[in-house]
Amino acid sequence: MQNAFWWSIKSFKSGCSKRSICKSSYFDEDSFGEILKAAKLVADIDPKILFILQPNYLDMNKGIIEDCLRYQKLCAKILKDVRILLKCIS
């Protein structure tokens, strides 16, 4: 099932325009390998495409913000613009 997911992402690449963005929502149980794989797919299209990391707000107490900052730094090695989008709940 997971291979079919990544295959569909790769096949989608050809239809992307230069004005695209990519938002990667992730959870505490997601591996950095999956996030890096998504970042590499975006970089293959165009490393200037905006890449947004959005952690699951339910995992905020599990150190996910620190992980997100680390992921941002690593993804920024292959992408020009990596941002973090936090959802605030009141």
N, C-alpha and C. Protein backbone atom coordinates (compact mmCIF):
# COMPACT_ATOMS: atom_id res chain seq x y z
N MET A 1 0.82 -1.20 0.00
CA MET A 1 0.00 0.00 0.00
C MET A 1 0.87 1.26 0.00
N GLN A 2 1.90 1.24 0.84
CA GLN A 2 2.76 2.43 0.94
C GLN A 2 3.50 2.67 -0.37
N ASN A 3 3.95 1.60 -1.05
CA ASN A 3 4.64 1.78 -2.32
C ASN A 3 3.72 2.41 -3.36
N ALA A 4 2.44 2.05 -3.33
CA ALA A 4 1.49 2.65 -4.26
C ALA A 4 1.35 4.14 -3.99
N PHE A 5 1.41 4.52 -2.73
CA PHE A 5 1.34 5.94 -2.36
C PHE A 5 2.51 6.70 -2.96
N TRP A 6 3.73 6.21 -2.76
CA TRP A 6 4.91 6.93 -3.28
C TRP A 6 4.93 6.91 -4.80
N TRP A 7 4.43 5.82 -5.41
CA TRP A 7 4.37 5.78 -6.87
C TRP A 7 3.43 6.87 -7.37
N SER A 8 2.27 7.05 -6.71
CA SER A 8 1.33 8.07 -7.16
C SER A 8 1.91 9.46 -7.01
N ILE A 9 2.70 9.68 -5.96
CA ILE A 9 3.37 10.98 -5.77
C ILE A 9 4.35 11.21 -6.92
N LYS A 10 5.14 10.20 -7.24
CA LYS A 10 6.12 10.35 -8.33
C LYS A 10 5.44 10.61 -9.66
N SER A 11 4.33 9.94 -9.91
CA SER A 11 3.64 10.15 -11.18
C SER A 11 2.97 11.52 -11.23
N PHE A 12 2.64 12.08 -10.08
CA PHE A 12 2.03 13.41 -10.00
C PHE A 12 3.03 14.51 -10.35
N LYS A 13 4.32 14.22 -10.16
CA LYS A 13 5.36 15.23 -10.37
C LYS A 13 5.28 15.91 -11.72
N SER A 14 4.96 15.16 -12.74
CA SER A 14 4.99 15.72 -14.09
C SER A 14 3.95 16.82 -14.29
N GLY A 15 2.90 16.83 -13.47
CA GLY A 15 1.85 17.83 -13.62
C GLY A 15 2.05 19.07 -12.75
N CYS A 16 3.11 19.11 -11.99
CA CYS A 16 3.33 20.24 -11.08
C CYS A 16 3.87 21.44 -11.84
N SER A 17 3.43 22.60 -11.39
CA SER A 17 3.95 23.83 -12.00
C SER A 17 4.97 24.46 -11.06
N LYS A 18 5.63 25.47 -11.54
CA LYS A 18 6.63 26.18 -10.75
C LYS A 18 5.99 26.98 -9.61
N ARG A 19 4.69 27.17 -9.64
CA ARG A 19 4.01 27.93 -8.61
C ARG A 19 3.41 27.02 -7.55
N SER A 20 3.87 25.82 -7.46
CA SER A 20 3.36 24.83 -6.51
C SER A 20 3.94 25.03 -5.13
N ILE A 21 3.23 24.52 -4.12
CA ILE A 21 3.76 24.40 -2.77
C ILE A 21 3.50 22.97 -2.31
N CYS A 22 4.21 22.55 -1.30
CA CYS A 22 4.00 21.23 -0.74
C CYS A 22 3.85 21.38 0.77
N LYS A 23 2.75 20.87 1.32
CA LYS A 23 2.57 20.88 2.76
C LYS A 23 2.61 19.44 3.23
N SER A 24 3.51 19.18 4.15
CA SER A 24 3.68 17.84 4.69
C SER A 24 3.20 17.83 6.14
N SER A 25 2.01 17.27 6.35
CA SER A 25 1.50 17.10 7.71
C SER A 25 2.03 15.77 8.24
N TYR A 26 2.48 15.78 9.47
CA TYR A 26 3.01 14.53 10.00
C TYR A 26 2.67 14.36 11.47
N PHE A 27 2.82 13.11 11.90
CA PHE A 27 2.49 12.72 13.26
C PHE A 27 3.74 12.21 13.95
N ASP A 28 3.65 12.09 15.25
CA ASP A 28 4.79 11.64 16.05
C ASP A 28 5.35 10.30 15.56
N GLU A 29 4.47 9.42 15.10
CA GLU A 29 4.94 8.09 14.69
C GLU A 29 5.54 8.06 13.28
N ASP A 30 5.43 9.14 12.53
CA ASP A 30 6.03 9.19 11.19
C ASP A 30 7.55 9.26 11.31
N SER A 31 8.22 8.60 10.40
CA SER A 31 9.68 8.60 10.45
C SER A 31 10.25 9.77 9.66
N PHE A 32 11.44 10.18 10.03
CA PHE A 32 12.10 11.24 9.29
C PHE A 32 12.36 10.80 7.86
N GLY A 33 12.56 9.52 7.66
CA GLY A 33 12.78 9.01 6.31
C GLY A 33 11.63 9.33 5.37
N GLU A 34 10.40 9.27 5.87
CA GLU A 34 9.24 9.59 5.04
C GLU A 34 9.20 11.08 4.70
N ILE A 35 9.54 11.92 5.67
CA ILE A 35 9.56 13.37 5.44
C ILE A 35 10.66 13.71 4.46
N LEU A 36 11.83 13.13 4.63
CA LEU A 36 12.95 13.38 3.72
C LEU A 36 12.62 12.88 2.32
N LYS A 37 11.93 11.76 2.21
CA LYS A 37 11.55 11.24 0.90
C LYS A 37 10.63 12.24 0.18
N ALA A 38 9.67 12.81 0.92
CA ALA A 38 8.78 13.81 0.34
C ALA A 38 9.57 15.05 -0.09
N ALA A 39 10.51 15.47 0.75
CA ALA A 39 11.33 16.65 0.42
C ALA A 39 12.17 16.39 -0.83
N LYS A 40 12.70 15.19 -0.96
CA LYS A 40 13.50 14.86 -2.15
C LYS A 40 12.65 14.84 -3.41
N LEU A 41 11.41 14.34 -3.30
CA LEU A 41 10.52 14.36 -4.46
C LEU A 41 10.24 15.79 -4.90
N VAL A 42 10.03 16.68 -3.95
CA VAL A 42 9.80 18.09 -4.27
C VAL A 42 11.07 18.69 -4.89
N ALA A 43 12.22 18.41 -4.30
CA ALA A 43 13.48 18.94 -4.81
C ALA A 43 13.76 18.46 -6.23
N ASP A 44 13.33 17.25 -6.56
CA ASP A 44 13.51 16.73 -7.92
C ASP A 44 12.72 17.56 -8.93
N ILE A 45 11.59 18.10 -8.50
CA ILE A 45 10.79 18.95 -9.40
C ILE A 45 11.43 20.32 -9.50
N ASP A 46 11.63 20.94 -8.31
CA ASP A 46 12.24 22.27 -8.26
C ASP A 46 12.57 22.58 -6.80
N PRO A 47 13.84 22.74 -6.45
CA PRO A 47 14.20 23.00 -5.05
C PRO A 47 13.70 24.34 -4.52
N LYS A 48 13.13 25.17 -5.39
CA LYS A 48 12.60 26.47 -4.94
C LYS A 48 11.13 26.39 -4.54
N ILE A 49 10.51 25.22 -4.71
CA ILE A 49 9.11 25.06 -4.30
C ILE A 49 9.03 25.15 -2.78
N LEU A 50 8.07 25.92 -2.29
CA LEU A 50 7.87 26.07 -0.86
C LEU A 50 7.45 24.73 -0.25
N PHE A 51 8.15 24.32 0.80
CA PHE A 51 7.87 23.06 1.51
C PHE A 51 7.48 23.41 2.94
N ILE A 52 6.27 23.05 3.32
CA ILE A 52 5.75 23.40 4.64
C ILE A 52 5.63 22.13 5.48
N LEU A 53 6.19 22.18 6.67
CA LEU A 53 6.06 21.09 7.63
C LEU A 53 4.98 21.48 8.64
N GLN A 54 3.99 20.62 8.82
CA GLN A 54 2.95 20.90 9.80
C GLN A 54 2.81 19.70 10.73
N PRO A 55 3.29 19.85 11.96
CA PRO A 55 3.15 18.74 12.91
C PRO A 55 1.71 18.63 13.41
N ASN A 56 1.34 17.43 13.80
CA ASN A 56 0.02 17.19 14.39
C ASN A 56 -0.04 17.92 15.73
N TYR A 57 -1.01 18.80 15.89
CA TYR A 57 -1.07 19.58 17.12
C TYR A 57 -1.37 18.71 18.34
N LEU A 58 -1.91 17.51 18.16
CA LEU A 58 -2.16 16.62 19.29
C LEU A 58 -0.87 16.03 19.85
N ASP A 59 0.21 16.10 19.08
CA ASP A 59 1.51 15.57 19.52
C ASP A 59 2.43 16.66 20.09
N MET A 60 1.92 17.85 20.31
CA MET A 60 2.76 18.97 20.74
C MET A 60 3.51 18.70 22.04
N ASN A 61 2.95 17.93 22.93
CA ASN A 61 3.59 17.66 24.21
C ASN A 61 4.63 16.54 24.13
N LYS A 62 4.81 15.98 22.98
CA LYS A 62 5.74 14.86 22.81
C LYS A 62 7.07 15.28 22.20
N GLY A 63 7.38 16.56 22.23
CA GLY A 63 8.65 17.03 21.67
C GLY A 63 8.64 17.16 20.16
N ILE A 64 7.48 17.19 19.58
CA ILE A 64 7.40 17.21 18.11
C ILE A 64 7.89 18.54 17.54
N ILE A 65 7.82 19.62 18.32
CA ILE A 65 8.31 20.92 17.84
C ILE A 65 9.82 20.86 17.64
N GLU A 66 10.52 20.26 18.59
CA GLU A 66 11.98 20.12 18.46
C GLU A 66 12.32 19.26 17.25
N ASP A 67 11.55 18.18 17.05
CA ASP A 67 11.76 17.34 15.87
C ASP A 67 11.52 18.15 14.60
N CYS A 68 10.47 18.95 14.61
CA CYS A 68 10.11 19.75 13.44
C CYS A 68 11.23 20.72 13.07
N LEU A 69 11.82 21.34 14.07
CA LEU A 69 12.94 22.26 13.82
C LEU A 69 14.14 21.52 13.23
N ARG A 70 14.37 20.33 13.73
CA ARG A 70 15.47 19.50 13.20
C ARG A 70 15.18 19.09 11.75
N TYR A 71 13.94 18.68 11.49
CA TYR A 71 13.54 18.29 10.13
C TYR A 71 13.66 19.48 9.17
N GLN A 72 13.28 20.67 9.65
CA GLN A 72 13.37 21.86 8.83
C GLN A 72 14.81 22.12 8.41
N LYS A 73 15.71 22.01 9.36
CA LYS A 73 17.14 22.25 9.07
C LYS A 73 17.67 21.23 8.06
N LEU A 74 17.29 19.98 8.21
CA LEU A 74 17.78 18.94 7.29
C LEU A 74 17.15 19.07 5.90
N CYS A 75 15.86 19.36 5.84
CA CYS A 75 15.20 19.53 4.54
C CYS A 75 15.74 20.76 3.81
N ALA A 76 16.14 21.78 4.57
CA ALA A 76 16.67 23.01 3.97
C ALA A 76 18.00 22.77 3.25
N LYS A 77 18.61 21.63 3.47
CA LYS A 77 19.84 21.32 2.74
C LYS A 77 19.56 21.00 1.28
N ILE A 78 18.32 20.57 0.97
CA ILE A 78 17.99 20.23 -0.42
C ILE A 78 16.89 21.12 -1.00
N LEU A 79 16.23 21.89 -0.14
CA LEU A 79 15.17 22.80 -0.58
C LEU A 79 15.50 24.22 -0.15
N LYS A 80 15.09 25.19 -0.95
CA LYS A 80 15.42 26.60 -0.68
C LYS A 80 14.53 27.23 0.39
N ASP A 81 13.27 26.78 0.52
CA ASP A 81 12.32 27.43 1.42
C ASP A 81 11.51 26.38 2.18
N VAL A 82 11.89 26.14 3.43
CA VAL A 82 11.20 25.17 4.28
C VAL A 82 10.66 25.92 5.49
N ARG A 83 9.35 25.85 5.66
CA ARG A 83 8.71 26.57 6.76
C ARG A 83 7.92 25.62 7.65
N ILE A 84 7.64 26.08 8.85
CA ILE A 84 6.86 25.32 9.81
C ILE A 84 5.53 26.03 10.01
N LEU A 85 4.46 25.27 9.95
CA LEU A 85 3.12 25.80 10.18
C LEU A 85 2.56 25.13 11.41
N LEU A 86 2.34 25.92 12.45
CA LEU A 86 1.79 25.38 13.69
C LEU A 86 0.32 25.76 13.80
N LYS A 87 -0.47 24.84 14.23
CA LYS A 87 -1.88 25.12 14.46
C LYS A 87 -2.05 25.39 15.94
N CYS A 88 -2.57 26.54 16.27
CA CYS A 88 -2.79 26.91 17.66
C CYS A 88 -4.23 26.62 18.02
N ILE A 89 -4.41 26.03 19.18
CA ILE A 89 -5.76 25.81 19.68
C ILE A 89 -5.93 26.58 20.97
N SER A 90 -7.11 27.10 21.16
CA SER A 90 -7.33 27.88 22.38
C SER A 90 -8.29 27.18 23.32
